[in-house]
């Protein structure tokens, strides 16, 4: 998908490119430090670092990845070099239970 976006010169929202953001670490994933995301006892203290979002969703269940990719060329190179899927690296619900997203649906999340 990213290769296609690059080749077709499709403009993407800046959140997909690396930028400085205050985050905290939970279970190896970076979450946005925000009043809308409840921190747990085991979470790190918030810190500022360069991150980008490989997918965009609700900040309570979508993580960022450490990244310096500020152009589409750099994003494509970064993704080509990783062994972790975008969903696997950034979807927090998958780390809770296999049915976490389905549980959210039942609870009226969608």
Protein backbone atom coordinates (compact mmCIF):
# COMPACT_ATOMS: atom_id res chain seq x y z
CA UNK A 1 0.00 0.00 0.00
CA UNK A 2 2.73 2.48 0.97
CA UNK A 3 4.67 1.72 -2.21
CA UNK A 4 1.53 2.52 -4.23
CA UNK A 5 0.99 5.77 -2.30
CA UNK A 6 4.60 6.75 -3.01
CA UNK A 7 4.46 5.85 -6.70
CA UNK A 8 1.15 7.67 -7.26
CA UNK A 9 2.29 10.68 -5.20
CA UNK A 10 -0.81 10.51 -3.03
CA UNK A 11 -0.83 13.02 -0.20
CA UNK A 12 -1.24 11.51 3.27
CA UNK A 13 -2.06 13.17 6.60
CA UNK A 14 1.05 14.23 8.50
CA UNK A 15 0.29 11.87 11.40
CA UNK A 16 1.60 9.02 9.20
CA UNK A 17 5.01 10.72 9.15
CA UNK A 18 7.38 10.95 12.11
CA UNK A 19 6.92 13.83 14.53
CA UNK A 20 7.82 14.60 18.14
CA UNK A 21 5.13 13.47 20.57
CA UNK A 22 4.77 12.84 24.26
CA UNK A 23 4.22 9.11 24.76
CA UNK A 24 4.49 6.45 27.43
CA UNK A 25 5.43 2.78 27.13
CA UNK A 26 3.11 -0.13 28.00
CA UNK A 27 3.84 -3.75 27.07
CA UNK A 28 6.47 -2.61 24.58
CA UNK A 29 4.03 -0.31 22.77
CA UNK A 30 4.11 3.49 22.70
CA UNK A 31 0.83 5.23 23.54
CA UNK A 32 0.05 8.94 23.23
CA UNK A 33 0.20 10.66 26.62
CA UNK A 34 -3.28 12.17 26.78
CA UNK A 35 -6.11 12.85 29.17
CA UNK A 36 -8.11 10.34 27.09
CA UNK A 37 -5.73 7.43 27.74
CA UNK A 38 -5.66 6.04 31.27
CA UNK A 39 -2.19 5.05 32.43
CA UNK A 40 -1.70 1.85 34.43
CA UNK A 41 0.71 1.27 37.33
CA UNK A 42 3.20 -0.61 35.13
CA UNK A 43 3.38 2.11 32.46
CA UNK A 44 6.51 4.20 32.01
CA UNK A 45 6.59 7.88 32.79
CA UNK A 46 5.69 10.02 29.74
CA UNK A 47 8.59 11.11 27.54
CA UNK A 48 8.97 12.92 24.23
CA UNK A 49 10.36 11.10 21.20
CA UNK A 50 10.00 10.91 17.44
CA UNK A 51 7.14 8.59 16.47
CA UNK A 52 4.75 7.95 13.65
CA UNK A 53 1.49 6.09 13.40
CA UNK A 54 1.46 3.11 11.03
CA UNK A 55 -2.31 2.97 11.31
CA UNK A 56 -4.68 5.60 12.63
CA UNK A 57 -7.42 4.77 15.10
CA UNK A 58 -8.64 5.44 18.59
CA UNK A 59 -5.67 6.56 20.71
CA UNK A 60 -6.75 4.24 23.54
CA UNK A 61 -6.06 1.17 21.38
CA UNK A 62 -3.62 2.36 18.68
CA UNK A 63 0.07 2.64 19.39
CA UNK A 64 2.83 4.64 17.75
CA UNK A 65 6.21 3.35 16.61
CA UNK A 66 9.55 5.02 17.21
CA UNK A 67 10.51 6.46 13.84
CA UNK A 68 12.54 9.12 12.10
CA UNK A 69 10.68 8.63 8.77
CA UNK A 70 9.53 12.12 7.77
CA UNK A 71 9.02 11.41 4.05
CA UNK A 72 7.10 8.75 2.14
CA UNK A 73 10.39 7.37 0.80
CA UNK A 74 11.59 6.87 4.37
CA UNK A 75 8.27 5.31 5.42
CA UNK A 76 8.47 2.77 2.58
CA UNK A 77 12.09 1.91 3.50
CA UNK A 78 11.19 1.59 7.18
CA UNK A 79 8.28 -0.77 6.52
CA UNK A 80 10.32 -2.85 4.06
CA UNK A 81 12.93 -3.41 6.79
CA UNK A 82 10.56 -4.57 9.55
CA UNK A 83 9.37 -8.09 10.34
CA UNK A 84 6.33 -6.96 12.35
CA UNK A 85 3.01 -6.21 10.67
CA UNK A 86 1.51 -2.77 11.10
CA UNK A 87 -1.42 -4.26 13.01
CA UNK A 88 0.85 -6.40 15.16
CA UNK A 89 3.00 -3.49 16.21
CA UNK A 90 0.32 -0.91 16.88
CA UNK A 91 -3.01 -2.52 17.80
CA UNK A 92 -3.15 -2.65 21.57
CA UNK A 93 -6.33 -4.71 21.74
CA UNK A 94 -4.49 -7.68 20.25
CA UNK A 95 -2.25 -7.67 23.33
CA UNK A 96 -5.21 -7.76 25.73
CA UNK A 97 -7.08 -10.81 24.39
CA UNK A 98 -7.72 -12.35 21.01
CA UNK A 99 -11.34 -11.15 21.24
CA UNK A 100 -10.70 -7.65 22.63
CA UNK A 101 -12.01 -5.81 19.58
CA UNK A 102 -15.08 -8.05 19.48
CA UNK A 103 -15.63 -7.29 23.18
CA UNK A 104 -15.49 -3.55 22.35
CA UNK A 105 -18.14 -4.05 19.67
CA UNK A 106 -20.44 -5.85 22.10
CA UNK A 107 -19.96 -3.00 24.58
CA UNK A 108 -21.10 -0.48 21.94
CA UNK A 109 -17.69 0.87 20.91
CA UNK A 110 -18.72 0.96 17.23
